[in-house]
Protein backbone atom coordinates (compact mmCIF):
# COMPACT_ATOMS: atom_id res chain seq x y z
CA MET A 1 22.53 -0.14 36.00
CA LYS A 2 21.13 -1.50 32.74
CA LYS A 3 17.46 -2.22 32.33
CA GLN A 4 16.77 -5.82 31.39
CA GLY A 5 13.13 -5.26 30.39
CA ARG A 6 13.97 -2.89 27.55
CA ARG A 7 16.26 -5.40 25.83
CA GLN A 8 13.51 -8.01 25.82
CA GLU A 9 11.03 -5.59 24.23
CA GLU A 10 13.45 -4.63 21.45
CA GLY A 11 14.32 -8.27 20.76
CA GLY A 12 10.83 -9.10 19.44
CA SER A 13 10.14 -11.06 16.33
CA PRO A 14 11.41 -9.39 13.16
CA TRP A 15 8.28 -10.57 11.32
CA LEU A 16 6.08 -8.76 13.82
CA GLY A 17 7.95 -5.52 13.17
CA ALA A 18 7.69 -6.02 9.42
CA MET A 19 3.95 -6.65 9.67
CA CYS A 20 3.48 -3.48 11.69
CA GLU A 21 5.34 -1.50 9.03
CA ILE A 22 3.24 -3.13 6.30
CA LEU A 23 0.05 -2.11 8.13
CA LYS A 24 1.35 1.44 8.56
CA GLY A 25 2.21 1.52 4.86
CA GLY A 26 -1.28 0.25 4.06
CA VAL A 27 -2.88 3.05 6.05
CA LEU A 28 -0.60 5.58 4.34
CA ALA A 29 -1.57 4.06 0.98
CA GLY A 30 -5.25 4.38 1.87
CA VAL A 31 -4.89 8.03 2.82
CA THR A 32 -2.94 8.74 -0.36
CA ALA A 33 -5.55 6.96 -2.49
CA ILE A 34 -8.38 8.89 -0.86
CA LEU A 35 -6.62 12.22 -1.38
CA SER A 36 -5.88 11.44 -5.03
CA LEU A 37 -9.51 10.37 -5.55
CA LEU A 38 -10.58 13.67 -3.99
CA ALA A 39 -8.33 15.50 -6.46
CA CYS A 40 -9.84 13.53 -9.37
CA ALA A 41 -13.35 14.35 -8.16
CA ALA A 42 -12.44 18.04 -7.97
CA LEU A 43 -11.10 17.91 -11.54
CA VAL A 44 -14.32 16.29 -12.74
CA SER A 45 -16.42 18.87 -10.88
CA ALA A 46 -14.41 21.69 -12.45
CA GLY A 47 -15.02 20.22 -15.90
CA ILE A 48 -11.33 19.58 -16.62
CA LEU A 49 -11.76 15.81 -16.77
CA PRO A 50 -14.73 14.02 -18.32
CA VAL A 51 -16.75 11.70 -16.11
CA ARG A 52 -15.78 8.64 -18.17
CA ALA A 53 -12.13 9.22 -17.18
CA MET A 54 -12.87 8.44 -13.54
CA GLU A 55 -12.48 4.70 -14.06
CA GLY A 56 -8.87 5.28 -15.06
CA GLY A 57 -8.57 7.79 -12.24
CA VAL A 58 -9.59 5.15 -9.71
CA MET A 59 -6.96 2.75 -11.03
CA ALA A 60 -4.33 5.50 -10.98
CA ALA A 61 -5.29 6.40 -7.41
CA CYS A 62 -4.89 2.76 -6.35
CA VAL A 63 -1.48 2.50 -8.01
CA LEU A 64 -0.33 5.83 -6.56
CA GLY A 65 -1.49 4.93 -3.06
CA ALA A 66 0.20 1.53 -3.21
CA LEU A 67 3.39 3.13 -4.55
CA VAL A 68 3.59 5.63 -1.70
CA GLY A 69 2.66 3.13 1.02
CA GLY A 70 4.88 0.44 -0.48
CA ALA A 71 7.86 2.80 -0.65
CA TYR A 72 7.37 3.66 3.03
CA ALA A 73 7.09 0.01 4.09
CA VAL A 74 10.03 -1.13 1.96
CA HIS A 75 12.20 1.63 3.40
CA ARG A 76 11.25 0.70 6.97
CA CYS A 77 11.32 -3.12 6.61
CA GLY A 78 14.80 -3.43 5.17
CA GLY A 79 15.47 -6.98 4.02
CA ARG A 80 11.87 -8.03 3.44
CA SER A 81 11.16 -5.68 0.55
CA LEU A 82 9.67 -8.25 -1.82
CA ALA A 83 7.06 -9.24 0.75
CA ALA A 84 6.44 -5.72 2.04
CA GLY A 85 5.46 -4.11 -1.28
CA PRO A 86 2.68 -6.48 -2.35
CA GLY A 87 1.68 -6.77 1.31
CA VAL A 88 0.91 -3.07 1.36
CA GLY A 89 -1.05 -3.49 -1.87
CA ALA A 90 -3.10 -6.28 -0.29
CA VAL A 91 -3.78 -4.16 2.80
CA LEU A 92 -4.88 -1.27 0.59
CA PHE A 93 -7.23 -3.54 -1.36
CA LEU A 94 -8.75 -4.87 1.86
CA LEU A 95 -9.23 -1.31 3.14
CA LEU A 96 -10.95 -0.30 -0.10
CA LEU A 97 -13.09 -3.44 -0.07
CA THR A 98 -14.12 -2.81 3.53
CA ALA A 99 -14.99 0.81 2.79
CA GLY A 100 -17.06 -0.32 -0.20
CA LEU A 101 -18.93 -2.88 1.89
CA ILE A 102 -19.68 -0.29 4.57
CA ALA A 103 -20.83 2.35 2.10
CA TYR A 104 -22.83 0.20 -0.32
CA GLU A 105 -23.77 -2.86 1.81
CA GLY A 106 -23.81 -5.15 -1.22
CA THR A 107 -20.52 -4.64 -3.01
CA SER A 108 -19.18 -7.56 -5.02
CA VAL A 109 -15.57 -8.16 -5.99
CA ALA A 110 -16.79 -9.03 -9.49
CA ASN A 111 -17.76 -5.39 -10.19
CA GLY A 112 -14.27 -4.23 -11.14
CA GLY A 113 -12.66 -5.58 -7.99
CA VAL A 114 -10.17 -7.72 -9.88
CA ARG A 115 -8.78 -4.66 -11.68
CA ILE A 116 -8.47 -2.77 -8.41
CA LEU A 117 -6.74 -5.77 -6.82
CA CYS A 118 -4.25 -5.94 -9.70
CA ALA A 119 -3.64 -2.19 -9.52
CA CYS A 120 -3.01 -2.34 -5.76
CA LEU A 121 -0.71 -5.37 -5.95
CA CYS A 122 1.26 -4.06 -8.93
CA GLY A 123 1.58 -0.61 -7.37
CA GLY A 124 2.92 -2.16 -4.18
CA ALA A 125 5.23 -4.58 -6.00
CA ILE A 126 7.06 -1.80 -7.86
CA PRO A 127 8.76 -0.37 -4.73
CA GLY A 128 9.26 -3.92 -3.48
CA ILE A 129 11.28 -4.79 -6.57
CA LEU A 130 13.08 -1.48 -6.98
CA GLY A 131 13.75 -0.90 -3.30
CA ARG A 132 15.62 -4.14 -2.74
CA LYS A 133 19.15 -3.72 -1.53
CA PRO A 134 21.78 -5.42 -3.68
CA LYS A 135 23.54 -8.44 -2.27
CA LYS A 136 26.98 -7.87 -0.83
CA LYS A 137 29.80 -9.46 -2.76
CA ARG A 138 32.04 -11.79 -0.87
CA ARG A 139 35.71 -11.12 -0.75
CA ARG A 140 38.01 -14.04 -1.21
C-alpha cells in the first residue's frame, strides 16, 4: 500500500526548496570565508603577508566564500541559478554583518560595508551566471 502523506511532503513549493538550498549555501559560504580569513591571518602572523594586504584578503575571502556557497546552491537549485547565486551572496553579507554587530556592537555599513557587499554579490553571481543550464532547442 502506498503512503499518501509522503507524496504531500515531497510536493512542497519549489521556491521553499530553493530558499533552503540558498540558506545552506550561505552557511557554507560563511564557513569558507571564515576559514580563508583564518588562513590569511596565519600568513600575516608568519610574516609572509604584510598587514596592509589584509584588506584585499578580506575581499578575496568574501568572493571565495560566495563562489563556493553559490556553486553549491546553483548545483542544488537547478533552474533558479540566477537567483540562487546572488542570494547566497546576500546571505553571506548578512551573516558577516550580524557577526560584526555582535562582535563590535557599533558596526556601520559605511565602514567598508559597501565593498564587502559588492564582493559577496559578485562572488555569488559568478556561479549563478556560469552554472545556468542551456535552453533546450526545439525540434520541428
